[in-house]
């Protein structure tokens, strides 16, 4: 499983937490959606398969791609609220976002 940490929501006085994950995965495809939330219009969706030692219950995830990753590239994917913040869309319904392209993926698989 990927890196995980607890992030306080609503200030430090409240005991409400969300988990933030960052994983490494390989872009294996793309998704086209003509009807979607207004906040997702113009966004590019990619299918990312986490590398084997970072897989959880999901074998593939759909992530927003704002940096131009291509099929076959290894990428860093932020999940949860970190994904929305990472792509500057704090109020959009985004749960995963490609936030980096890995230059050297040797040893990832």
PDB file of N, CA and C in Angstrom:
ATOM      1  N   UNK A   1       0.833  -1.170   0.000  1.00  0.00           N
ATOM      2  CA  UNK A   1       0.000   0.000   0.000  1.00  0.00           C
ATOM      3  C   UNK A   1       0.877   1.232   0.000  1.00  0.00           C
ATOM      4  N   UNK A   2       0.382   2.328  -0.541  1.00  0.00           N
ATOM      5  CA  UNK A   2       1.134   3.556  -0.680  1.00  0.00           C
ATOM      6  C   UNK A   2       1.326   4.285   0.639  1.00  0.00           C
ATOM      7  N   UNK A   3       1.998   5.388   0.564  1.00  0.00           N
ATOM      8  CA  UNK A   3       2.239   6.242   1.717  1.00  0.00           C
ATOM      9  C   UNK A   3       0.901   6.732   2.247  1.00  0.00           C
ATOM     10  N   UNK A   4       0.727   6.715   3.565  1.00  0.00           N
ATOM     11  CA  UNK A   4      -0.526   7.148   4.143  1.00  0.00           C
ATOM     12  C   UNK A   4      -0.254   7.987   5.385  1.00  0.00           C
ATOM     13  N   UNK A   5      -0.999   9.067   5.525  1.00  0.00           N
ATOM     14  CA  UNK A   5      -0.906   9.848   6.751  1.00  0.00           C
ATOM     15  C   UNK A   5      -2.270  10.421   7.067  1.00  0.00           C
ATOM     16  N   UNK A   6      -2.473  10.784   8.304  1.00  0.00           N
ATOM     17  CA  UNK A   6      -3.751  11.343   8.721  1.00  0.00           C
ATOM     18  C   UNK A   6      -3.680  12.854   8.658  1.00  0.00           C
ATOM     19  N   UNK A   7      -4.676  13.462   8.058  1.00  0.00           N
ATOM     20  CA  UNK A   7      -4.734  14.909   7.911  1.00  0.00           C
ATOM     21  C   UNK A   7      -5.931  15.426   8.692  1.00  0.00           C
ATOM     22  N   UNK A   8      -5.726  16.398   9.612  1.00  0.00           N
ATOM     23  CA  UNK A   8      -6.872  16.935  10.342  1.00  0.00           C
ATOM     24  C   UNK A   8      -7.785  17.735   9.414  1.00  0.00           C
ATOM     25  N   UNK A   9      -9.072  17.545   9.591  1.00  0.00           N
ATOM     26  CA  UNK A   9     -10.071  18.285   8.813  1.00  0.00           C
ATOM     27  C   UNK A   9     -10.822  19.184   9.778  1.00  0.00           C
ATOM     28  N   UNK A  10     -11.009  20.436   9.400  1.00  0.00           N
ATOM     29  CA  UNK A  10     -11.784  21.349  10.231  1.00  0.00           C
ATOM     30  C   UNK A  10     -11.001  21.899  11.407  1.00  0.00           C
ATOM     31  N   UNK A  11      -9.709  21.897  11.325  1.00  0.00           N
ATOM     32  CA  UNK A  11      -8.893  22.454  12.398  1.00  0.00           C
ATOM     33  C   UNK A  11      -8.392  21.374  13.339  1.00  0.00           C
ATOM     34  N   UNK A  12      -7.433  21.731  14.158  1.00  0.00           N
ATOM     35  CA  UNK A  12      -6.809  20.765  15.042  1.00  0.00           C
ATOM     36  C   UNK A  12      -7.640  20.476  16.288  1.00  0.00           C
ATOM     37  N   UNK A  13      -8.662  21.262  16.562  1.00  0.00           N
ATOM     38  CA  UNK A  13      -9.475  21.038  17.752  1.00  0.00           C
ATOM     39  C   UNK A  13     -10.457  19.896  17.572  1.00  0.00           C
ATOM     40  N   UNK A  14     -10.773  19.576  16.330  1.00  0.00           N
ATOM     41  CA  UNK A  14     -11.717  18.503  16.067  1.00  0.00           C
ATOM     42  C   UNK A  14     -10.949  17.207  15.806  1.00  0.00           C
ATOM     43  N   UNK A  15     -11.530  16.094  16.169  1.00  0.00           N
ATOM     44  CA  UNK A  15     -10.888  14.801  15.958  1.00  0.00           C
ATOM     45  C   UNK A  15     -11.435  14.115  14.721  1.00  0.00           C
ATOM     46  N   UNK A  16     -11.512  14.830  13.628  1.00  0.00           N
ATOM     47  CA  UNK A  16     -11.975  14.286  12.362  1.00  0.00           C
ATOM     48  C   UNK A  16     -10.775  14.236  11.440  1.00  0.00           C
ATOM     49  N   UNK A  17     -10.488  13.059  10.881  1.00  0.00           N
ATOM     50  CA  UNK A  17      -9.315  12.888  10.045  1.00  0.00           C
ATOM     51  C   UNK A  17      -9.681  12.253   8.712  1.00  0.00           C
ATOM     52  N   UNK A  18      -8.900  12.577   7.707  1.00  0.00           N
ATOM     53  CA  UNK A  18      -8.999  11.911   6.408  1.00  0.00           C
ATOM     54  C   UNK A  18      -7.638  11.301   6.128  1.00  0.00           C
ATOM     55  N   UNK A  19      -7.618  10.207   5.397  1.00  0.00           N
ATOM     56  CA  UNK A  19      -6.348   9.597   5.044  1.00  0.00           C
ATOM     57  C   UNK A  19      -5.898  10.104   3.689  1.00  0.00           C
ATOM     58  N   UNK A  20      -4.630  10.424   3.574  1.00  0.00           N
ATOM     59  CA  UNK A  20      -4.066  10.880   2.313  1.00  0.00           C
ATOM     60  C   UNK A  20      -3.063   9.835   1.849  1.00  0.00           C
ATOM     61  N   UNK A  21      -3.164   9.455   0.607  1.00  0.00           N
ATOM     62  CA  UNK A  21      -2.292   8.446   0.038  1.00  0.00           C
ATOM     63  C   UNK A  21      -1.544   9.029  -1.156  1.00  0.00           C
ATOM     64  N   UNK A  22      -0.312   8.612  -1.333  1.00  0.00           N
ATOM     65  CA  UNK A  22       0.396   8.893  -2.566  1.00  0.00           C
ATOM     66  C   UNK A  22       0.961   7.564  -3.032  1.00  0.00           C
ATOM     67  N   UNK A  23       0.668   7.238  -4.283  1.00  0.00           N
ATOM     68  CA  UNK A  23       1.131   5.969  -4.827  1.00  0.00           C
ATOM     69  C   UNK A  23       1.915   6.205  -6.110  1.00  0.00           C
ATOM     70  N   UNK A  24       2.636   5.179  -6.514  1.00  0.00           N
ATOM     71  CA  UNK A  24       3.306   5.159  -7.809  1.00  0.00           C
ATOM     72  C   UNK A  24       2.535   4.173  -8.673  1.00  0.00           C
ATOM     73  N   UNK A  25       2.251   4.569  -9.906  1.00  0.00           N
ATOM     74  CA  UNK A  25       1.529   3.690 -10.807  1.00  0.00           C
ATOM     75  C   UNK A  25       1.942   3.911 -12.244  1.00  0.00           C
ATOM     76  N   UNK A  26       1.425   3.058 -13.107  1.00  0.00           N
ATOM     77  CA  UNK A  26       1.705   3.151 -14.538  1.00  0.00           C
ATOM     78  C   UNK A  26       0.411   3.507 -15.251  1.00  0.00           C
ATOM     79  N   UNK A  27       0.472   4.503 -16.127  1.00  0.00           N
ATOM     80  CA  UNK A  27      -0.700   4.898 -16.903  1.00  0.00           C
ATOM     81  C   UNK A  27      -0.938   3.819 -17.958  1.00  0.00           C
ATOM     82  N   UNK A  28      -2.143   3.213 -17.936  1.00  0.00           N
ATOM     83  CA  UNK A  28      -2.439   2.115 -18.844  1.00  0.00           C
ATOM     84  C   UNK A  28      -3.566   2.449 -19.826  1.00  0.00           C
ATOM     85  N   UNK A  29      -4.171   3.602 -19.691  1.00  0.00           N
ATOM     86  CA  UNK A  29      -5.243   3.968 -20.609  1.00  0.00           C
ATOM     87  C   UNK A  29      -5.843   5.303 -20.255  1.00  0.00           C
ATOM     88  N   UNK A  30      -6.878   5.670 -20.988  1.00  0.00           N
ATOM     89  CA  UNK A  30      -7.573   6.935 -20.738  1.00  0.00           C
ATOM     90  C   UNK A  30      -9.071   6.692 -20.761  1.00  0.00           C
ATOM     91  N   UNK A  31      -9.808   7.652 -20.232  1.00  0.00           N
ATOM     92  CA  UNK A  31     -11.263   7.583 -20.179  1.00  0.00           C
ATOM     93  C   UNK A  31     -11.810   8.863 -20.788  1.00  0.00           C
ATOM     94  N   UNK A  32     -12.844   8.719 -21.627  1.00  0.00           N
ATOM     95  CA  UNK A  32     -13.525   9.878 -22.199  1.00  0.00           C
ATOM     96  C   UNK A  32     -14.916   9.944 -21.595  1.00  0.00           C
ATOM     97  N   UNK A  33     -15.273  11.088 -21.061  1.00  0.00           N
ATOM     98  CA  UNK A  33     -16.588  11.288 -20.460  1.00  0.00           C
ATOM     99  C   UNK A  33     -17.169  12.586 -20.990  1.00  0.00           C
ATOM    100  N   UNK A  34     -18.241  12.492 -21.757  1.00  0.00           N
ATOM    101  CA  UNK A  34     -18.830  13.708 -22.327  1.00  0.00           C
ATOM    102  C   UNK A  34     -19.808  14.364 -21.360  1.00  0.00           C
ATOM    103  N   UNK A  35     -20.400  13.593 -20.451  1.00  0.00           N
ATOM    104  CA  UNK A  35     -21.314  14.151 -19.451  1.00  0.00           C
ATOM    105  C   UNK A  35     -20.704  13.941 -18.080  1.00  0.00           C
ATOM    106  N   UNK A  36     -20.449  15.049 -17.383  1.00  0.00           N
ATOM    107  CA  UNK A  36     -19.803  14.971 -16.074  1.00  0.00           C
ATOM    108  C   UNK A  36     -20.096  16.234 -15.280  1.00  0.00           C
ATOM    109  N   UNK A  37     -19.679  16.247 -14.049  1.00  0.00           N
ATOM    110  CA  UNK A  37     -19.823  17.414 -13.189  1.00  0.00           C
ATOM    111  C   UNK A  37     -19.203  18.624 -13.866  1.00  0.00           C
ATOM    112  N   UNK A  38     -19.824  19.774 -13.692  1.00  0.00           N
ATOM    113  CA  UNK A  38     -19.297  21.018 -14.283  1.00  0.00           C
ATOM    114  C   UNK A  38     -17.860  21.281 -13.860  1.00  0.00           C
ATOM    115  N   UNK A  39     -17.518  20.899 -12.651  1.00  0.00           N
ATOM    116  CA  UNK A  39     -16.164  21.161 -12.146  1.00  0.00           C
ATOM    117  C   UNK A  39     -15.115  20.271 -12.795  1.00  0.00           C
ATOM    118  N   UNK A  40     -15.554  19.271 -13.567  1.00  0.00           N
ATOM    119  CA  UNK A  40     -14.612  18.373 -14.238  1.00  0.00           C
ATOM    120  C   UNK A  40     -14.505  18.641 -15.737  1.00  0.00           C
ATOM    121  N   UNK A  41     -15.245  19.623 -16.234  1.00  0.00           N
ATOM    122  CA  UNK A  41     -15.203  19.939 -17.663  1.00  0.00           C
ATOM    123  C   UNK A  41     -13.785  20.393 -18.035  1.00  0.00           C
ATOM    124  N   UNK A  42     -13.270  19.822 -19.102  1.00  0.00           N
ATOM    125  CA  UNK A  42     -11.927  20.161 -19.574  1.00  0.00           C
ATOM    126  C   UNK A  42     -10.818  19.331 -18.947  1.00  0.00           C
ATOM    127  N   UNK A  43     -11.167  18.466 -17.996  1.00  0.00           N
ATOM    128  CA  UNK A  43     -10.157  17.631 -17.347  1.00  0.00           C
ATOM    129  C   UNK A  43      -9.905  16.368 -18.159  1.00  0.00           C
ATOM    130  N   UNK A  44      -8.676  15.883 -18.101  1.00  0.00           N
ATOM    131  CA  UNK A  44      -8.269  14.646 -18.777  1.00  0.00           C
ATOM    132  C   UNK A  44      -8.236  13.538 -17.731  1.00  0.00           C
ATOM    133  N   UNK A  45      -8.864  12.398 -18.050  1.00  0.00           N
ATOM    134  CA  UNK A  45      -8.915  11.270 -17.127  1.00  0.00           C
ATOM    135  C   UNK A  45      -8.019  10.144 -17.637  1.00  0.00           C
ATOM    136  N   UNK A  46      -7.173   9.623 -16.769  1.00  0.00           N
ATOM    137  CA  UNK A  46      -6.282   8.523 -17.125  1.00  0.00           C
ATOM    138  C   UNK A  46      -6.518   7.344 -16.190  1.00  0.00           C
ATOM    139  N   UNK A  47      -6.322   6.138 -16.728  1.00  0.00           N
ATOM    140  CA  UNK A  47      -6.412   4.925 -15.919  1.00  0.00           C
ATOM    141  C   UNK A  47      -4.998   4.586 -15.460  1.00  0.00           C
ATOM    142  N   UNK A  48      -4.834   4.462 -14.150  1.00  0.00           N
ATOM    143  CA  UNK A  48      -3.523   4.194 -13.561  1.00  0.00           C
ATOM    144  C   UNK A  48      -3.586   2.874 -12.811  1.00  0.00           C
ATOM    145  N   UNK A  49      -2.598   2.032 -13.072  1.00  0.00           N
ATOM    146  CA  UNK A  49      -2.471   0.763 -12.366  1.00  0.00           C
ATOM    147  C   UNK A  49      -1.326   0.892 -11.372  1.00  0.00           C
ATOM    148  N   UNK A  50      -1.633   0.846 -10.072  1.00  0.00           N
ATOM    149  CA  UNK A  50      -0.560   0.960  -9.077  1.00  0.00           C
ATOM    150  C   UNK A  50       0.471  -0.154  -9.254  1.00  0.00           C
ATOM    151  N   UNK A  51       1.746   0.160  -8.978  1.00  0.00           N
ATOM    152  CA  UNK A  51       2.769  -0.879  -9.041  1.00  0.00           C
ATOM    153  C   UNK A  51       2.417  -1.940  -8.011  1.00  0.00           C
ATOM    154  N   UNK A  52       2.846  -3.174  -8.264  1.00  0.00           N
ATOM    155  CA  UNK A  52       2.365  -4.336  -7.508  1.00  0.00           C
ATOM    156  C   UNK A  52       2.456  -4.199  -5.997  1.00  0.00           C
ATOM    157  N   UNK A  53       3.500  -3.605  -5.462  1.00  0.00           N
ATOM    158  CA  UNK A  53       3.650  -3.539  -4.009  1.00  0.00           C
ATOM    159  C   UNK A  53       2.895  -2.362  -3.389  1.00  0.00           C
ATOM    160  N   UNK A  54       2.182  -1.568  -4.202  1.00  0.00           N
ATOM    161  CA  UNK A  54       1.369  -0.461  -3.685  1.00  0.00           C
ATOM    162  C   UNK A  54      -0.122  -0.684  -3.910  1.00  0.00           C
ATOM    163  N   UNK A  55      -0.477  -1.832  -4.457  1.00  0.00           N
ATOM    164  CA  UNK A  55      -1.891  -2.117  -4.712  1.00  0.00           C
ATOM    165  C   UNK A  55      -2.612  -2.376  -3.402  1.00  0.00           C
ATOM    166  N   UNK A  56      -3.826  -1.886  -3.346  1.00  0.00           N
ATOM    167  CA  UNK A  56      -4.689  -2.209  -2.207  1.00  0.00           C
ATOM    168  C   UNK A  56      -5.830  -3.040  -2.752  1.00  0.00           C
ATOM    169  N   UNK A  57      -7.053  -2.672  -2.442  1.00  0.00           N
ATOM    170  CA  UNK A  57      -8.188  -3.425  -2.955  1.00  0.00           C
ATOM    171  C   UNK A  57      -8.497  -3.087  -4.412  1.00  0.00           C
ATOM    172  N   UNK A  58      -7.929  -2.032  -4.932  1.00  0.00           N
ATOM    173  CA  UNK A  58      -8.182  -1.615  -6.316  1.00  0.00           C
ATOM    174  C   UNK A  58      -6.994  -1.968  -7.201  1.00  0.00           C
ATOM    175  N   UNK A  59      -7.276  -2.567  -8.352  1.00  0.00           N
ATOM    176  CA  UNK A  59      -6.181  -2.883  -9.257  1.00  0.00           C
ATOM    177  C   UNK A  59      -5.914  -1.734 -10.226  1.00  0.00           C
ATOM    178  N   UNK A  60      -6.917  -0.880 -10.440  1.00  0.00           N
ATOM    179  CA  UNK A  60      -6.750   0.294 -11.291  1.00  0.00           C
ATOM    180  C   UNK A  60      -7.570   1.437 -10.714  1.00  0.00           C
ATOM    181  N   UNK A  61      -7.110   2.668 -10.956  1.00  0.00           N
ATOM    182  CA  UNK A  61      -7.856   3.839 -10.518  1.00  0.00           C
ATOM    183  C   UNK A  61      -7.947   4.827 -11.673  1.00  0.00           C
ATOM    184  N   UNK A  62      -8.936   5.685 -11.625  1.00  0.00           N
ATOM    185  CA  UNK A  62      -9.066   6.764 -12.601  1.00  0.00           C
ATOM    186  C   UNK A  62      -8.569   8.032 -11.914  1.00  0.00           C
ATOM    187  N   UNK A  63      -7.636   8.719 -12.564  1.00  0.00           N
ATOM    188  CA  UNK A  63      -7.035   9.922 -11.983  1.00  0.00           C
ATOM    189  C   UNK A  63      -7.109  11.082 -12.967  1.00  0.00           C
ATOM    190  N   UNK A  64      -7.329  12.267 -12.433  1.00  0.00           N
ATOM    191  CA  UNK A  64      -7.272  13.492 -13.225  1.00  0.00           C
ATOM    192  C   UNK A  64      -5.809  13.724 -13.604  1.00  0.00           C
ATOM    193  N   UNK A  65      -5.568  14.116 -14.836  1.00  0.00           N
ATOM    194  CA  UNK A  65      -4.202  14.372 -15.288  1.00  0.00           C
ATOM    195  C   UNK A  65      -4.101  15.804 -15.793  1.00  0.00           C
ATOM    196  N   UNK A  66      -3.459  16.647 -14.999  1.00  0.00           N
ATOM    197  CA  UNK A  66      -3.288  18.040 -15.389  1.00  0.00           C
ATOM    198  C   UNK A  66      -1.862  18.341 -15.836  1.00  0.00           C
ATOM    199  N   UNK A  67      -0.991  17.305 -15.866  1.00  0.00           N
ATOM    200  CA  UNK A  67       0.400  17.567 -16.223  1.00  0.00           C
ATOM    201  C   UNK A  67       0.819  16.931 -17.537  1.00  0.00           C
ATOM    202  N   UNK A  68      -0.085  16.181 -18.170  1.00  0.00           N
ATOM    203  CA  UNK A  68       0.219  15.638 -19.497  1.00  0.00           C
ATOM    204  C   UNK A  68       0.923  14.299 -19.512  1.00  0.00           C
ATOM    205  N   UNK A  69       0.582  13.418 -18.606  1.00  0.00           N
ATOM    206  CA  UNK A  69       1.183  12.078 -18.609  1.00  0.00           C
ATOM    207  C   UNK A  69       0.668  11.292 -19.806  1.00  0.00           C
ATOM    208  N   UNK A  70       1.498  10.401 -20.291  1.00  0.00           N
ATOM    209  CA  UNK A  70       1.114   9.571 -21.429  1.00  0.00           C
ATOM    210  C   UNK A  70       0.997   8.113 -21.043  1.00  0.00           C
ATOM    211  N   UNK A  71       0.321   7.355 -21.880  1.00  0.00           N
ATOM    212  CA  UNK A  71       0.164   5.927 -21.639  1.00  0.00           C
ATOM    213  C   UNK A  71       1.546   5.274 -21.625  1.00  0.00           C
ATOM    214  N   UNK A  72       1.772   4.431 -20.623  1.00  0.00           N
ATOM    215  CA  UNK A  72       3.052   3.754 -20.465  1.00  0.00           C
ATOM    216  C   UNK A  72       3.998   4.435 -19.497  1.00  0.00           C
ATOM    217  N   UNK A  73       3.697   5.647 -19.072  1.00  0.00           N
ATOM    218  CA  UNK A  73       4.580   6.362 -18.148  1.00  0.00           C
ATOM    219  C   UNK A  73       4.249   6.009 -16.706  1.00  0.00           C
ATOM    220  N   UNK A  74       5.287   6.013 -15.864  1.00  0.00           N
ATOM    221  CA  UNK A  74       5.104   5.857 -14.433  1.00  0.00           C
ATOM    222  C   UNK A  74       4.843   7.226 -13.838  1.00  0.00           C
ATOM    223  N   UNK A  75       3.867   7.295 -12.931  1.00  0.00           N
ATOM    224  CA  UNK A  75       3.438   8.581 -12.382  1.00  0.00           C
ATOM    225  C   UNK A  75       3.267   8.505 -10.871  1.00  0.00           C
ATOM    226  N   UNK A  76       3.290   9.680 -10.234  1.00  0.00           N
ATOM    227  CA  UNK A  76       2.938   9.830  -8.826  1.00  0.00           C
ATOM    228  C   UNK A  76       1.478  10.240  -8.784  1.00  0.00           C
ATOM    229  N   UNK A  77       0.691   9.570  -7.959  1.00  0.00           N
ATOM    230  CA  UNK A  77      -0.731   9.861  -7.853  1.00  0.00           C
ATOM    231  C   UNK A  77      -1.071  10.205  -6.408  1.00  0.00           C
ATOM    232  N   UNK A  78      -1.629  11.393  -6.212  1.00  0.00           N
ATOM    233  CA  UNK A  78      -2.130  11.787  -4.898  1.00  0.00           C
ATOM    234  C   UNK A  78      -3.588  11.382  -4.823  1.00  0.00           C
ATOM    235  N   UNK A  79      -4.028  10.970  -3.642  1.00  0.00           N
ATOM    236  CA  UNK A  79      -5.415  10.556  -3.472  1.00  0.00           C
ATOM    237  C   UNK A  79      -6.057  11.315  -2.319  1.00  0.00           C
ATOM    238  N   UNK A  80      -7.379  11.338  -2.318  1.00  0.00           N
ATOM    239  CA  UNK A  80      -8.120  12.021  -1.259  1.00  0.00           C
ATOM    240  C   UNK A  80      -8.041  13.521  -1.404  1.00  0.00           C
ATOM    241  N   UNK A  81      -8.093  14.220  -0.280  1.00  0.00           N
ATOM    242  CA  UNK A  81      -8.079  15.688  -0.331  1.00  0.00           C
ATOM    243  C   UNK A  81      -6.776  16.216  -0.914  1.00  0.00           C
ATOM    244  N   UNK A  82      -5.684  15.474  -0.767  1.00  0.00           N
ATOM    245  CA  UNK A  82      -4.407  15.894  -1.349  1.00  0.00           C
ATOM    246  C   UNK A  82      -4.493  15.968  -2.871  1.00  0.00           C
ATOM    247  N   UNK A  83      -5.331  15.130  -3.475  1.00  0.00           N
ATOM    248  CA  UNK A  83      -5.506  15.162  -4.933  1.00  0.00           C
ATOM    249  C   UNK A  83      -6.176  16.459  -5.364  1.00  0.00           C
ATOM    250  N   UNK A  84      -7.206  16.853  -4.647  1.00  0.00           N
ATOM    251  CA  UNK A  84      -7.907  18.100  -4.995  1.00  0.00           C
ATOM    252  C   UNK A  84      -7.000  19.304  -4.805  1.00  0.00           C
ATOM    253  N   UNK A  85      -6.276  19.323  -3.717  1.00  0.00           N
ATOM    254  CA  UNK A  85      -5.368  20.440  -3.444  1.00  0.00           C
ATOM    255  C   UNK A  85      -4.231  20.452  -4.455  1.00  0.00           C
ATOM    256  N   UNK A  86      -3.709  19.270  -4.786  1.00  0.00           N
ATOM    257  CA  UNK A  86      -2.582  19.161  -5.716  1.00  0.00           C
ATOM    258  C   UNK A  86      -2.878  19.663  -7.110  1.00  0.00           C
ATOM    259  N   UNK A  87      -4.139  19.615  -7.512  1.00  0.00           N
ATOM    260  CA  UNK A  87      -4.469  20.114  -8.853  1.00  0.00           C
ATOM    261  C   UNK A  87      -5.246  21.418  -8.784  1.00  0.00           C
ATOM    262  N   UNK A  88      -5.313  22.041  -7.611  1.00  0.00           N
ATOM    263  CA  UNK A  88      -5.935  23.358  -7.482  1.00  0.00           C
ATOM    264  C   UNK A  88      -7.446  23.356  -7.647  1.00  0.00           C
ATOM    265  N   UNK A  89      -8.075  22.245  -7.342  1.00  0.00           N
ATOM    266  CA  UNK A  89      -9.530  22.109  -7.491  1.00  0.00           C
ATOM    267  C   UNK A  89     -10.139  21.631  -6.176  1.00  0.00           C
ATOM    268  N   UNK A  90     -10.010  22.442  -5.129  1.00  0.00           N
ATOM    269  CA  UNK A  90     -10.416  22.030  -3.790  1.00  0.00           C
ATOM    270  C   UNK A  90     -11.889  21.660  -3.672  1.00  0.00           C
ATOM    271  N   UNK A  91     -12.750  22.205  -4.543  1.00  0.00           N
ATOM    272  CA  UNK A  91     -14.181  21.927  -4.436  1.00  0.00           C
ATOM    273  C   UNK A  91     -14.692  20.954  -5.500  1.00  0.00           C
ATOM    274  N   UNK A  92     -13.803  20.396  -6.300  1.00  0.00           N
ATOM    275  CA  UNK A  92     -14.209  19.468  -7.364  1.00  0.00           C
ATOM    276  C   UNK A  92     -14.288  18.042  -6.820  1.00  0.00           C
ATOM    277  N   UNK A  93     -15.125  17.208  -7.425  1.00  0.00           N
ATOM    278  CA  UNK A  93     -15.240  15.813  -6.980  1.00  0.00           C
ATOM    279  C   UNK A  93     -14.099  14.946  -7.513  1.00  0.00           C
ATOM    280  N   UNK A  94     -12.905  15.196  -7.013  1.00  0.00           N
ATOM    281  CA  UNK A  94     -11.701  14.484  -7.456  1.00  0.00           C
ATOM    282  C   UNK A  94     -11.157  13.674  -6.292  1.00  0.00           C
ATOM    283  N   UNK A  95     -10.877  12.393  -6.547  1.00  0.00           N
ATOM    284  CA  UNK A  95     -10.326  11.532  -5.506  1.00  0.00           C
ATOM    285  C   UNK A  95      -8.903  11.083  -5.818  1.00  0.00           C
ATOM    286  N   UNK A  96      -8.457  11.259  -7.066  1.00  0.00           N
ATOM    287  CA  UNK A  96      -7.096  10.880  -7.445  1.00  0.00           C
ATOM    288  C   UNK A  96      -6.604  11.835  -8.520  1.00  0.00           C
ATOM    289  N   UNK A  97      -5.354  12.267  -8.410  1.00  0.00           N
ATOM    290  CA  UNK A  97      -4.779  13.183  -9.393  1.00  0.00           C
ATOM    291  C   UNK A  97      -3.321  12.833  -9.645  1.00  0.00           C
ATOM    292  N   UNK A  98      -2.954  12.829 -10.914  1.00  0.00           N
ATOM    293  CA  UNK A  98      -1.553  12.625 -11.280  1.00  0.00           C
ATOM    294  C   UNK A  98      -0.833  13.934 -10.983  1.00  0.00           C
ATOM    295  N   UNK A  99       0.167  13.865 -10.086  1.00  0.00           N
ATOM    296  CA  UNK A  99       0.867  15.071  -9.662  1.00  0.00           C
ATOM    297  C   UNK A  99       2.334  15.072 -10.071  1.00  0.00           C
ATOM    298  N   UNK A 100       2.783  14.006 -10.717  1.00  0.00           N
ATOM    299  CA  UNK A 100       4.170  13.955 -11.170  1.00  0.00           C
ATOM    300  C   UNK A 100       4.396  12.796 -12.127  1.00  0.00           C
ATOM    301  N   UNK A 101       5.363  12.987 -13.016  1.00  0.00           N
ATOM    302  CA  UNK A 101       5.789  11.932 -13.930  1.00  0.00           C
ATOM    303  C   UNK A 101       7.176  11.483 -13.458  1.00  0.00           C
ATOM    304  N   UNK A 102       7.341  10.174 -13.293  1.00  0.00           N
ATOM    305  CA  UNK A 102       8.613   9.627 -12.797  1.00  0.00           C
ATOM    306  C   UNK A 102       9.592   9.503 -13.960  1.00  0.00           C
ATOM    307  N   UNK A 103      10.765  10.095 -13.801  1.00  0.00           N
ATOM    308  CA  UNK A 103      11.771  10.080 -14.852  1.00  0.00           C
ATOM    309  C   UNK A 103      12.437   8.710 -15.007  1.00  0.00           C
ATOM    310  N   UNK A 104      12.699   8.044 -13.878  1.00  0.00           N
ATOM    311  CA  UNK A 104      13.356   6.750 -13.930  1.00  0.00           C
ATOM    312  C   UNK A 104      12.553   5.753 -13.102  1.00  0.00           C
ATOM    313  N   UNK A 105      11.855   4.845 -13.762  1.00  0.00           N
ATOM    314  CA  UNK A 105      11.019   3.873 -13.087  1.00  0.00           C
ATOM    315  C   UNK A 105      11.694   2.535 -12.854  1.00  0.00           C
ATOM    316  N   UNK A 106      13.017   2.490 -12.925  1.00  0.00           N
ATOM    317  CA  UNK A 106      13.744   1.228 -12.725  1.00  0.00           C
ATOM    318  C   UNK A 106      13.468   0.691 -11.320  1.00  0.00           C
ATOM    319  N   UNK A 107      13.137  -0.566 -11.253  1.00  0.00           N
ATOM    320  CA  UNK A 107      12.913  -1.219  -9.977  1.00  0.00           C
ATOM    321  C   UNK A 107      11.507  -1.069  -9.425  1.00  0.00           C
ATOM    322  N   UNK A 108      10.626  -0.418 -10.172  1.00  0.00           N
ATOM    323  CA  UNK A 108       9.265  -0.221  -9.667  1.00  0.00           C
ATOM    324  C   UNK A 108       8.404  -1.470  -9.811  1.00  0.00           C
ATOM    325  N   UNK A 109       8.644  -2.279 -10.810  1.00  0.00           N
ATOM    326  CA  UNK A 109       7.796  -3.459 -11.031  1.00  0.00           C
ATOM    327  C   UNK A 109       8.394  -4.674 -10.442  1.00  0.00           C
TER     328      UNK A 109
END
